Amino acid sequence: MKDSSQLAESKLIILYMLNKINLPMSLSYIQEFALTYEYMDYFSLSSYLSELTESEYIIKNVEHNKTTYTISKKGYKTLSLFENLIPSYIKEKIEEYIALNKNQIKKELDILANFTENNNEYNVRCAVYENKAPLMEVNLKVASKKYAKTICDNWKKDASKYYLNFIKTLLNDKE
């Protein structure tokens, strides 16, 4: 069993990472970091994330079966008071990991595709953002969950291609 200083350090590592990335970070990236560098095991990490969320140090967002986390103001204040408890070599590893993965993490956040059901109709929302400003948003109604899921999956794979094709189509002057 971890002692209280190891427990505190592990939670501070999570807060530090979320603060440094300054973006919503998916559960898979947090897990990848923690497990790759063996700072926490899977079950401990899950427990820490749950505790940090319940105590409002981090904010958990679940959208279309994807979970992301961000640091809250309360988490930031706590981190600023206790950041010195994180060893510098761990901070360096976090900063290296973020430098290597930030573009991929950001890319995943810049493309949005989700759907909701309403009276056996599926409302699909797809969007492309640049620096948090929408470049394109598309809202569709489709007849089945299968269609909605397929549209979302395809948008996530090739949103930039669809965006460019749409712009080219609109700019095509046939007269």
Protein backbone atom coordinates (compact mmCIF):
# COMPACT_ATOMS: atom_id res chain seq x y z
CA MET A 1 0.00 0.00 0.00
CA LYS A 2 1.30 3.44 -0.88
CA ASP A 3 2.05 5.85 1.94
CA SER A 4 0.40 9.28 2.03
CA SER A 5 3.38 11.09 0.45
CA GLN A 6 3.37 8.71 -2.54
CA LEU A 7 -0.39 9.13 -2.84
CA ALA A 8 -0.06 12.92 -2.79
CA GLU A 9 2.80 12.80 -5.32
CA SER A 10 0.76 10.64 -7.70
CA LYS A 11 -2.19 13.02 -7.58
CA LEU A 12 0.12 16.00 -8.04
CA ILE A 13 1.64 14.30 -11.10
CA ILE A 14 -1.83 14.12 -12.65
CA LEU A 15 -2.51 17.78 -11.82
CA TYR A 16 0.89 18.84 -13.15
CA MET A 17 0.33 16.99 -16.42
CA LEU A 18 -3.14 18.50 -16.94
CA ASN A 19 -1.79 21.95 -16.12
CA LYS A 20 1.17 21.67 -18.52
CA ILE A 21 -0.85 20.35 -21.45
CA ASN A 22 -3.44 23.12 -20.98
CA LEU A 23 -5.93 21.14 -23.09
CA PRO A 24 -8.55 18.53 -22.28
CA MET A 25 -6.56 15.30 -22.08
CA SER A 26 -8.06 11.92 -22.88
CA LEU A 27 -7.98 9.09 -20.41
CA SER A 28 -5.91 7.02 -22.83
CA TYR A 29 -3.06 9.58 -22.91
CA ILE A 30 -3.02 9.89 -19.12
CA GLN A 31 -2.95 6.09 -18.81
CA GLU A 32 -0.23 5.78 -21.43
CA PHE A 33 2.03 8.20 -19.56
CA ALA A 34 1.43 6.74 -16.10
CA LEU A 35 1.82 3.13 -17.19
CA THR A 36 4.75 3.64 -19.59
CA TYR A 37 6.87 5.35 -16.95
CA GLU A 38 5.45 3.13 -14.17
CA TYR A 39 4.47 6.04 -11.93
CA MET A 40 1.14 4.37 -11.17
CA ASP A 41 -0.61 1.13 -11.92
CA TYR A 42 -3.93 1.08 -13.76
CA PHE A 43 -6.10 0.62 -10.67
CA SER A 44 -4.35 3.32 -8.65
CA LEU A 45 -4.60 5.76 -11.56
CA SER A 46 -8.33 5.06 -11.93
CA SER A 47 -8.80 5.63 -8.21
CA TYR A 48 -6.81 8.89 -8.23
CA LEU A 49 -8.74 10.25 -11.20
CA SER A 50 -12.00 9.42 -9.49
CA GLU A 51 -10.91 11.04 -6.21
CA LEU A 52 -9.58 14.15 -7.97
CA THR A 53 -12.84 14.48 -9.89
CA GLU A 54 -15.03 14.00 -6.81
CA SER A 55 -13.04 16.57 -4.84
CA GLU A 56 -13.25 18.98 -7.84
CA TYR A 57 -9.50 19.25 -8.48
CA ILE A 58 -10.07 18.09 -12.04
CA ILE A 59 -13.05 18.23 -14.39
CA LYS A 60 -14.18 15.08 -16.16
CA ASN A 61 -16.02 15.42 -19.48
CA VAL A 62 -17.62 12.45 -21.24
CA GLU A 63 -18.78 13.01 -24.81
CA HIS A 64 -19.63 10.27 -27.32
CA ASN A 65 -17.90 7.60 -25.22
CA LYS A 66 -14.69 9.65 -24.96
CA THR A 67 -13.53 10.82 -21.55
CA THR A 68 -11.29 13.85 -21.15
CA TYR A 69 -9.93 15.63 -18.08
CA THR A 70 -8.89 19.21 -17.40
CA ILE A 71 -7.49 20.82 -14.28
CA SER A 72 -9.94 23.00 -12.34
CA LYS A 73 -9.18 26.33 -10.63
CA LYS A 74 -9.12 24.48 -7.31
CA GLY A 75 -6.67 21.95 -8.76
CA TYR A 76 -4.48 24.72 -10.14
CA LYS A 77 -4.36 26.49 -6.76
CA THR A 78 -3.45 23.26 -4.99
CA LEU A 79 -0.78 22.46 -7.57
CA SER A 80 0.78 25.89 -7.21
CA LEU A 81 1.10 25.32 -3.45
CA PHE A 82 2.55 21.79 -3.64
CA GLU A 83 4.26 21.55 -7.05
CA ASN A 84 7.65 21.46 -5.31
CA LEU A 85 6.76 17.97 -3.99
CA ILE A 86 7.04 16.55 -7.51
CA PRO A 87 10.63 15.50 -8.24
CA SER A 88 12.22 17.46 -11.09
CA TYR A 89 12.98 14.29 -13.10
CA ILE A 90 9.25 13.46 -13.15
CA LYS A 91 8.40 17.00 -14.26
CA GLU A 92 10.94 16.62 -17.08
CA LYS A 93 9.36 13.31 -18.16
CA ILE A 94 5.91 14.92 -18.18
CA GLU A 95 7.18 17.86 -20.25
CA GLU A 96 8.91 15.48 -22.71
CA TYR A 97 5.74 13.40 -23.04
CA ILE A 98 3.65 16.50 -23.69
CA ALA A 99 6.13 17.86 -26.23
CA LEU A 100 5.99 14.54 -28.11
CA ASN A 101 2.20 14.13 -27.95
CA LYS A 102 0.64 17.61 -27.75
CA ASN A 103 0.05 17.95 -31.50
CA GLN A 104 -1.70 14.57 -31.65
CA ILE A 105 -3.77 15.39 -28.56
CA LYS A 106 -4.67 18.78 -30.02
CA LYS A 107 -5.51 17.25 -33.40
CA GLU A 108 -7.96 14.89 -31.74
CA LEU A 109 -9.63 17.84 -30.03
CA ASP A 110 -9.92 19.95 -33.19
CA ILE A 111 -12.21 17.43 -34.87
CA LEU A 112 -15.59 16.85 -33.28
CA ALA A 113 -18.11 14.19 -34.24
CA ASN A 114 -20.98 13.03 -32.05
CA PHE A 115 -24.62 12.13 -32.17
CA THR A 116 -27.71 12.08 -29.98
CA GLU A 117 -30.96 10.16 -30.30
CA ASN A 118 -34.35 11.87 -30.23
CA ASN A 119 -37.54 9.88 -30.96
CA ASN A 120 -35.77 7.28 -33.14
CA GLU A 121 -34.04 10.05 -35.08
CA TYR A 122 -30.32 10.56 -34.75
CA ASN A 123 -28.88 14.07 -34.73
CA VAL A 124 -25.28 14.03 -35.91
CA ARG A 125 -22.95 16.96 -35.27
CA CYS A 126 -19.58 17.18 -37.00
CA ALA A 127 -17.18 20.10 -36.74
CA VAL A 128 -13.65 21.24 -37.53
CA TYR A 129 -12.01 23.83 -35.29
CA GLU A 130 -8.85 25.86 -35.59
CA ASN A 131 -7.57 27.52 -32.43
CA LYS A 132 -10.96 26.80 -30.81
CA ALA A 133 -12.81 28.75 -33.52
CA PRO A 134 -15.17 26.76 -35.75
CA LEU A 135 -14.14 26.46 -39.39
CA MET A 136 -17.09 24.27 -40.26
CA GLU A 137 -20.03 22.72 -38.43
CA VAL A 138 -22.45 20.25 -39.97
CA ASN A 139 -25.67 19.06 -38.34
CA LEU A 140 -27.54 16.14 -39.89
CA LYS A 141 -30.53 13.98 -39.07
CA VAL A 142 -30.21 10.31 -39.97
CA ALA A 143 -32.54 7.35 -39.58
CA SER A 144 -30.34 4.88 -37.70
CA LYS A 145 -27.69 4.62 -35.04
CA LYS A 146 -25.54 2.70 -37.51
CA TYR A 147 -25.59 5.63 -39.96
CA ALA A 148 -24.86 8.12 -37.19
CA LYS A 149 -21.89 6.09 -35.95
CA THR A 150 -20.53 5.59 -39.48
CA ILE A 151 -20.74 9.32 -40.22
CA CYS A 152 -18.95 10.15 -36.94
CA ASP A 153 -16.23 7.55 -37.55
CA ASN A 154 -15.63 8.71 -41.12
CA TRP A 155 -15.56 12.37 -40.08
CA LYS A 156 -12.95 11.65 -37.42
CA LYS A 157 -10.76 9.83 -39.97
CA ASP A 158 -10.97 12.39 -42.80
CA ALA A 159 -12.51 15.65 -41.62
CA SER A 160 -9.91 17.78 -43.37
CA LYS A 161 -10.64 16.02 -46.68
CA TYR A 162 -14.40 16.62 -46.29
CA TYR A 163 -13.81 20.23 -45.35
CA LEU A 164 -11.61 20.86 -48.43
CA ASN A 165 -14.04 19.07 -50.76
CA PHE A 166 -16.94 21.10 -49.41
CA ILE A 167 -15.07 24.40 -49.92
CA LYS A 168 -14.01 23.35 -53.46
CA THR A 169 -17.61 22.44 -54.29
CA LEU A 170 -18.93 25.76 -53.04
CA LEU A 171 -16.24 27.69 -54.95
CA ASN A 172 -16.80 25.81 -58.19
CA ASP A 173 -18.22 28.32 -60.65
CA LYS A 174 -19.89 26.40 -63.49
CA GLU A 175 -21.24 29.45 -65.30
